[in-house]
């Protein structure tokens, strides 16, 4: 039973970082999980973040969706960051989860982050997701 519980938790976390569900459903599901974890069950990668930003730039997500997503990711013990990119990814998550402190989420914000993360530079309408 323990393995299946851990697997379920991992799937819920992947639903969030890959946003495989509606944003509100993914965030709500993660909020039902315990915060503490001895291990990182999933890794947030540059590719996850770029995909999220491209979805925002294609108007598939709005500012509130992106902020709620980042807020749900921020500070979780069970979500790690891609090795070598931890500082950059944590900075993105913090800035996105806290737009009143950092910078409001906008197209310019998203494009700068896509560039910093080395993502696809095609116009959002031409990007595939």
N, C-alpha and C. Protein backbone atom coordinates (compact mmCIF):
# COMPACT_ATOMS: atom_id res chain seq x y z
N UNK A 1 0.81 -1.20 0.00
CA UNK A 1 0.00 0.00 0.00
C UNK A 1 0.86 1.27 0.00
N UNK A 2 1.99 1.23 0.69
CA UNK A 2 2.84 2.41 0.77
C UNK A 2 3.32 2.82 -0.63
N UNK A 3 3.76 1.85 -1.43
CA UNK A 3 4.23 2.17 -2.77
C UNK A 3 3.12 2.79 -3.61
N UNK A 4 1.90 2.27 -3.51
CA UNK A 4 0.82 2.82 -4.31
C UNK A 4 0.47 4.23 -3.86
N UNK A 5 0.57 4.51 -2.55
CA UNK A 5 0.34 5.87 -2.04
C UNK A 5 1.37 6.84 -2.55
N UNK A 6 2.63 6.41 -2.57
CA UNK A 6 3.71 7.25 -3.08
C UNK A 6 3.54 7.48 -4.58
N UNK A 7 3.12 6.43 -5.29
CA UNK A 7 2.90 6.56 -6.73
C UNK A 7 1.75 7.53 -7.01
N UNK A 8 0.70 7.44 -6.22
CA UNK A 8 -0.44 8.36 -6.39
C UNK A 8 0.00 9.80 -6.13
N UNK A 9 0.79 9.99 -5.08
CA UNK A 9 1.30 11.34 -4.76
C UNK A 9 2.15 11.86 -5.92
N UNK A 10 2.99 11.00 -6.47
CA UNK A 10 3.84 11.40 -7.59
C UNK A 10 2.97 11.81 -8.79
N UNK A 11 1.92 11.06 -9.07
CA UNK A 11 1.02 11.38 -10.18
C UNK A 11 0.33 12.73 -9.97
N UNK A 12 -0.10 13.00 -8.75
CA UNK A 12 -0.74 14.29 -8.44
C UNK A 12 0.26 15.43 -8.66
N UNK A 13 1.51 15.22 -8.24
CA UNK A 13 2.54 16.24 -8.43
C UNK A 13 2.84 16.45 -9.91
N UNK A 14 2.88 15.37 -10.67
CA UNK A 14 3.09 15.49 -12.12
C UNK A 14 1.92 16.20 -12.79
N UNK A 15 0.69 15.91 -12.32
CA UNK A 15 -0.47 16.62 -12.85
C UNK A 15 -0.29 18.13 -12.68
N UNK A 16 0.34 18.52 -11.57
CA UNK A 16 0.57 19.95 -11.33
C UNK A 16 1.69 20.48 -12.20
N UNK A 17 2.90 19.90 -12.11
CA UNK A 17 4.02 20.53 -12.81
C UNK A 17 3.89 20.45 -14.32
N UNK A 18 3.17 19.45 -14.81
CA UNK A 18 2.91 19.36 -16.25
C UNK A 18 1.56 19.94 -16.62
N UNK A 19 0.80 20.35 -15.63
CA UNK A 19 -0.54 20.90 -15.77
C UNK A 19 -1.38 20.05 -16.72
N UNK A 20 -1.50 18.76 -16.34
CA UNK A 20 -2.27 17.81 -17.13
C UNK A 20 -3.76 17.92 -16.88
N UNK A 21 -4.14 18.70 -15.88
CA UNK A 21 -5.54 18.96 -15.55
C UNK A 21 -5.79 20.45 -15.66
N UNK A 22 -7.04 20.85 -15.48
CA UNK A 22 -7.34 22.28 -15.39
C UNK A 22 -6.53 22.84 -14.22
N UNK A 23 -6.02 24.07 -14.33
CA UNK A 23 -5.19 24.62 -13.26
C UNK A 23 -5.83 24.53 -11.87
N UNK A 24 -7.09 24.87 -11.75
CA UNK A 24 -7.73 24.84 -10.43
C UNK A 24 -7.80 23.42 -9.88
N UNK A 25 -8.04 22.43 -10.73
CA UNK A 25 -8.11 21.03 -10.28
C UNK A 25 -6.73 20.52 -9.86
N UNK A 26 -5.70 20.85 -10.62
CA UNK A 26 -4.34 20.41 -10.28
C UNK A 26 -3.88 21.03 -8.96
N UNK A 27 -4.14 22.32 -8.79
CA UNK A 27 -3.76 23.01 -7.55
C UNK A 27 -4.53 22.44 -6.37
N UNK A 28 -5.82 22.23 -6.53
CA UNK A 28 -6.64 21.69 -5.44
C UNK A 28 -6.16 20.30 -5.03
N UNK A 29 -5.81 19.46 -5.99
CA UNK A 29 -5.35 18.11 -5.68
C UNK A 29 -4.04 18.13 -4.91
N UNK A 30 -3.13 19.02 -5.28
CA UNK A 30 -1.84 19.11 -4.58
C UNK A 30 -2.03 19.64 -3.17
N UNK A 31 -2.97 20.53 -2.99
CA UNK A 31 -3.21 21.09 -1.65
C UNK A 31 -3.72 20.04 -0.67
N UNK A 32 -4.23 18.92 -1.18
CA UNK A 32 -4.69 17.83 -0.32
C UNK A 32 -3.54 16.96 0.16
N UNK A 33 -2.37 17.09 -0.45
CA UNK A 33 -1.21 16.28 -0.07
C UNK A 33 -0.49 16.89 1.13
N UNK A 34 0.18 16.06 1.92
CA UNK A 34 1.02 16.61 2.99
C UNK A 34 2.17 17.41 2.38
N UNK A 35 2.65 18.42 3.11
CA UNK A 35 3.76 19.25 2.63
C UNK A 35 5.10 18.55 2.77
N UNK A 36 5.30 17.92 3.91
CA UNK A 36 6.60 17.34 4.22
C UNK A 36 6.86 16.07 3.43
N UNK A 37 8.11 15.90 3.03
CA UNK A 37 8.53 14.70 2.33
C UNK A 37 10.03 14.54 2.56
N UNK A 38 10.45 13.31 2.76
CA UNK A 38 11.88 13.02 2.92
C UNK A 38 12.59 12.95 1.59
N UNK A 39 11.82 12.80 0.51
CA UNK A 39 12.41 12.68 -0.82
C UNK A 39 11.66 13.56 -1.81
N UNK A 40 12.38 13.96 -2.84
CA UNK A 40 11.76 14.67 -3.96
C UNK A 40 11.17 13.62 -4.90
N UNK A 41 9.88 13.66 -5.10
CA UNK A 41 9.21 12.66 -5.93
C UNK A 41 9.19 13.02 -7.40
N UNK A 42 9.26 14.31 -7.71
CA UNK A 42 9.30 14.79 -9.10
C UNK A 42 10.27 15.95 -9.18
N UNK A 43 10.75 16.21 -10.40
CA UNK A 43 11.66 17.33 -10.64
C UNK A 43 11.00 18.32 -11.59
N UNK A 44 11.02 19.59 -11.20
CA UNK A 44 10.59 20.67 -12.08
C UNK A 44 11.78 20.97 -12.99
N UNK A 45 11.52 21.03 -14.29
CA UNK A 45 12.60 21.26 -15.25
C UNK A 45 12.37 22.55 -16.03
N UNK A 46 13.41 22.97 -16.73
CA UNK A 46 13.28 24.12 -17.63
C UNK A 46 12.15 23.86 -18.63
N UNK A 47 12.07 22.63 -19.13
CA UNK A 47 11.05 22.31 -20.13
C UNK A 47 9.64 22.49 -19.57
N UNK A 48 9.42 22.11 -18.30
CA UNK A 48 8.10 22.32 -17.69
C UNK A 48 7.75 23.80 -17.67
N UNK A 49 8.71 24.61 -17.24
CA UNK A 49 8.46 26.05 -17.10
C UNK A 49 8.24 26.70 -18.46
N UNK A 50 9.07 26.36 -19.42
CA UNK A 50 8.90 26.93 -20.77
C UNK A 50 7.55 26.53 -21.34
N UNK A 51 7.16 25.28 -21.16
CA UNK A 51 5.85 24.84 -21.66
C UNK A 51 4.73 25.64 -21.01
N UNK A 52 4.84 25.89 -19.71
CA UNK A 52 3.83 26.66 -19.00
C UNK A 52 3.77 28.10 -19.54
N UNK A 53 4.93 28.69 -19.73
CA UNK A 53 4.98 30.06 -20.25
C UNK A 53 4.44 30.15 -21.68
N UNK A 54 4.73 29.16 -22.49
CA UNK A 54 4.21 29.17 -23.85
C UNK A 54 2.69 29.03 -23.84
N UNK A 55 2.16 28.24 -22.93
CA UNK A 55 0.70 28.13 -22.81
C UNK A 55 0.11 29.48 -22.40
N UNK A 56 0.79 30.19 -21.51
CA UNK A 56 0.34 31.53 -21.12
C UNK A 56 0.37 32.46 -22.34
N UNK A 57 1.47 32.43 -23.08
CA UNK A 57 1.61 33.32 -24.24
C UNK A 57 0.59 33.01 -25.34
N UNK A 58 0.11 31.77 -25.38
CA UNK A 58 -0.94 31.39 -26.34
C UNK A 58 -2.34 31.63 -25.76
N UNK A 59 -2.40 32.24 -24.59
CA UNK A 59 -3.66 32.57 -23.91
C UNK A 59 -4.44 31.33 -23.48
N UNK A 60 -3.75 30.22 -23.28
CA UNK A 60 -4.37 29.02 -22.74
C UNK A 60 -4.44 29.09 -21.21
N UNK A 61 -3.58 29.91 -20.62
CA UNK A 61 -3.56 30.17 -19.19
C UNK A 61 -3.57 31.67 -18.99
N UNK A 62 -4.14 32.12 -17.88
CA UNK A 62 -4.10 33.55 -17.58
C UNK A 62 -3.12 33.80 -16.42
N UNK A 63 -3.00 35.06 -16.04
CA UNK A 63 -2.06 35.43 -14.98
C UNK A 63 -2.39 34.72 -13.67
N UNK A 64 -3.66 34.64 -13.33
CA UNK A 64 -4.07 33.97 -12.09
C UNK A 64 -3.73 32.49 -12.11
N UNK A 65 -3.89 31.84 -13.27
CA UNK A 65 -3.53 30.42 -13.40
C UNK A 65 -2.04 30.23 -13.15
N UNK A 66 -1.23 31.06 -13.78
CA UNK A 66 0.22 30.95 -13.66
C UNK A 66 0.67 31.22 -12.22
N UNK A 67 0.10 32.23 -11.60
CA UNK A 67 0.43 32.54 -10.21
C UNK A 67 0.03 31.41 -9.28
N UNK A 68 -1.17 30.87 -9.45
CA UNK A 68 -1.64 29.77 -8.60
C UNK A 68 -0.79 28.53 -8.79
N UNK A 69 -0.39 28.26 -10.03
CA UNK A 69 0.48 27.12 -10.32
C UNK A 69 1.81 27.27 -9.58
N UNK A 70 2.44 28.43 -9.72
CA UNK A 70 3.73 28.66 -9.07
C UNK A 70 3.59 28.62 -7.54
N UNK A 71 2.51 29.17 -7.03
CA UNK A 71 2.27 29.16 -5.59
C UNK A 71 2.14 27.72 -5.08
N UNK A 72 1.51 26.86 -5.85
CA UNK A 72 1.34 25.46 -5.45
C UNK A 72 2.67 24.70 -5.50
N UNK A 73 3.57 25.10 -6.38
CA UNK A 73 4.88 24.45 -6.51
C UNK A 73 5.85 24.95 -5.43
N UNK A 74 5.77 26.22 -5.12
CA UNK A 74 6.73 26.87 -4.23
C UNK A 74 6.78 26.21 -2.85
N UNK A 75 7.98 25.88 -2.42
CA UNK A 75 8.20 25.41 -1.07
C UNK A 75 7.84 23.96 -0.80
N UNK A 76 7.45 23.21 -1.81
CA UNK A 76 7.10 21.80 -1.59
C UNK A 76 8.37 20.97 -1.45
N UNK A 77 8.43 20.15 -0.42
CA UNK A 77 9.58 19.26 -0.21
C UNK A 77 9.61 18.13 -1.23
N UNK A 78 8.46 17.80 -1.80
CA UNK A 78 8.38 16.66 -2.71
C UNK A 78 8.58 17.04 -4.18
N UNK A 79 8.79 18.34 -4.46
CA UNK A 79 9.10 18.80 -5.81
C UNK A 79 10.50 19.39 -5.80
N UNK A 80 11.40 18.72 -6.52
CA UNK A 80 12.76 19.22 -6.64
C UNK A 80 12.91 20.04 -7.90
N UNK A 81 14.12 20.49 -8.14
CA UNK A 81 14.42 21.26 -9.36
C UNK A 81 15.51 20.54 -10.13
N UNK A 82 15.45 20.68 -11.43
CA UNK A 82 16.41 20.06 -12.33
C UNK A 82 17.84 20.36 -11.85
N UNK A 83 18.66 19.33 -11.67
CA UNK A 83 20.04 19.55 -11.22
C UNK A 83 20.78 20.51 -12.13
N UNK A 84 21.47 21.45 -11.52
CA UNK A 84 22.20 22.47 -12.25
C UNK A 84 21.39 23.73 -12.52
N UNK A 85 20.07 23.63 -12.41
CA UNK A 85 19.20 24.78 -12.67
C UNK A 85 18.34 25.14 -11.46
N UNK A 86 18.70 24.61 -10.30
CA UNK A 86 17.88 24.83 -9.12
C UNK A 86 17.65 26.31 -8.82
N UNK A 87 18.70 27.10 -8.82
CA UNK A 87 18.58 28.51 -8.47
C UNK A 87 17.69 29.26 -9.47
N UNK A 88 17.88 29.02 -10.74
CA UNK A 88 17.10 29.69 -11.78
C UNK A 88 15.62 29.30 -11.69
N UNK A 89 15.36 28.01 -11.52
CA UNK A 89 13.97 27.55 -11.44
C UNK A 89 13.29 28.05 -10.18
N UNK A 90 14.00 28.06 -9.07
CA UNK A 90 13.41 28.57 -7.83
C UNK A 90 13.14 30.07 -7.93
N UNK A 91 14.02 30.80 -8.62
CA UNK A 91 13.78 32.24 -8.84
C UNK A 91 12.52 32.45 -9.67
N UNK A 92 12.36 31.65 -10.72
CA UNK A 92 11.15 31.76 -11.54
C UNK A 92 9.90 31.49 -10.71
N UNK A 93 9.93 30.40 -9.96
CA UNK A 93 8.75 30.04 -9.16
C UNK A 93 8.45 31.13 -8.15
N UNK A 94 9.46 31.66 -7.48
CA UNK A 94 9.23 32.73 -6.50
C UNK A 94 8.63 33.96 -7.17
N UNK A 95 9.23 34.41 -8.25
CA UNK A 95 8.74 35.62 -8.93
C UNK A 95 7.31 35.44 -9.44
N UNK A 96 7.01 34.26 -9.94
CA UNK A 96 5.69 34.00 -10.51
C UNK A 96 4.64 33.85 -9.41
N UNK A 97 5.03 33.25 -8.30
CA UNK A 97 4.10 33.06 -7.18
C UNK A 97 3.87 34.36 -6.41
N UNK A 98 4.76 35.34 -6.60
CA UNK A 98 4.70 36.59 -5.83
C UNK A 98 4.79 37.81 -6.73
N UNK A 99 3.85 37.99 -7.65
CA UNK A 99 3.95 39.10 -8.61
C UNK A 99 3.84 40.48 -7.95
N UNK A 100 3.25 40.56 -6.78
CA UNK A 100 3.16 41.85 -6.10
C UNK A 100 4.52 42.27 -5.54
N UNK A 101 5.37 41.30 -5.25
CA UNK A 101 6.71 41.58 -4.73
C UNK A 101 7.71 41.72 -5.88
N UNK A 102 7.63 40.83 -6.85
CA UNK A 102 8.61 40.78 -7.93
C UNK A 102 8.20 41.68 -9.09
N UNK A 103 7.36 41.16 -9.96
CA UNK A 103 6.91 41.87 -11.15
C UNK A 103 5.59 41.26 -11.59
N UNK A 104 4.64 42.08 -12.00
CA UNK A 104 3.38 41.51 -12.48
C UNK A 104 3.61 40.57 -13.67
N UNK A 105 2.83 39.51 -13.72
CA UNK A 105 2.91 38.56 -14.82
C UNK A 105 2.32 39.24 -16.06
N UNK A 106 3.08 39.18 -17.15
CA UNK A 106 2.67 39.81 -18.41
C UNK A 106 3.34 39.06 -19.55
N UNK A 107 2.98 39.42 -20.78
CA UNK A 107 3.65 38.82 -21.93
C UNK A 107 5.15 39.09 -21.88
N UNK A 108 5.54 40.32 -21.53
CA UNK A 108 6.96 40.67 -21.47
C UNK A 108 7.68 39.83 -20.41
N UNK A 109 7.06 39.65 -19.25
CA UNK A 109 7.61 38.81 -18.18
C UNK A 109 7.81 37.39 -18.71
N UNK A 110 6.80 36.84 -19.35
CA UNK A 110 6.86 35.47 -19.86
C UNK A 110 7.94 35.32 -20.93
N UNK A 111 8.02 36.26 -21.85
CA UNK A 111 9.02 36.18 -22.92
C UNK A 111 10.44 36.26 -22.36
N UNK A 112 10.66 37.14 -21.36
CA UNK A 112 11.99 37.24 -20.74
C UNK A 112 12.38 35.91 -20.10
N UNK A 113 11.43 35.29 -19.40
CA UNK A 113 11.72 34.02 -18.75
C UNK A 113 11.96 32.92 -19.78
N UNK A 114 11.20 32.89 -20.84
CA UNK A 114 11.44 31.88 -21.89
C UNK A 114 12.86 32.06 -22.43
N UNK A 115 13.26 33.30 -22.65
CA UNK A 115 14.61 33.57 -23.15
C UNK A 115 15.66 33.13 -22.13
N UNK A 116 15.47 33.48 -20.86
CA UNK A 116 16.42 33.08 -19.81
C UNK A 116 16.54 31.57 -19.70
N UNK A 117 15.45 30.88 -19.93
CA UNK A 117 15.43 29.43 -19.80
C UNK A 117 15.84 28.71 -21.09
N UNK A 118 16.12 29.50 -22.14
CA UNK A 118 16.57 28.91 -23.39
C UNK A 118 15.47 28.20 -24.15
N UNK A 119 14.24 28.69 -23.99
CA UNK A 119 13.10 28.04 -24.65
C UNK A 119 12.94 28.47 -26.09
N UNK A 120 11.92 27.93 -26.71
CA UNK A 120 11.58 28.20 -28.09
C UNK A 120 11.30 29.68 -28.28
N UNK A 121 11.94 30.30 -29.23
CA UNK A 121 11.78 31.73 -29.45
C UNK A 121 10.80 32.06 -30.57
N UNK A 122 10.10 31.05 -31.10
CA UNK A 122 9.09 31.34 -32.14
C UNK A 122 7.94 32.12 -31.53
N UNK A 123 7.22 32.86 -32.34
CA UNK A 123 6.04 33.54 -31.82
C UNK A 123 5.09 32.51 -31.20
N UNK A 124 4.35 32.89 -30.16
CA UNK A 124 3.50 31.91 -29.47
C UNK A 124 2.49 31.23 -30.36
N UNK A 125 2.00 31.89 -31.39
CA UNK A 125 1.01 31.27 -32.26
C UNK A 125 1.61 30.12 -33.07
N UNK A 126 2.94 30.15 -33.26
CA UNK A 126 3.61 29.10 -34.04
C UNK A 126 4.15 27.99 -33.16
N UNK A 127 4.20 28.21 -31.85
CA UNK A 127 4.74 27.21 -30.93
C UNK A 127 3.78 26.05 -30.80
N UNK A 128 4.35 24.88 -30.65
CA UNK A 128 3.52 23.70 -30.42
C UNK A 128 3.55 23.37 -28.95
N UNK A 129 2.50 22.75 -28.46
CA UNK A 129 2.48 22.46 -27.04
C UNK A 129 2.07 21.15 -26.72
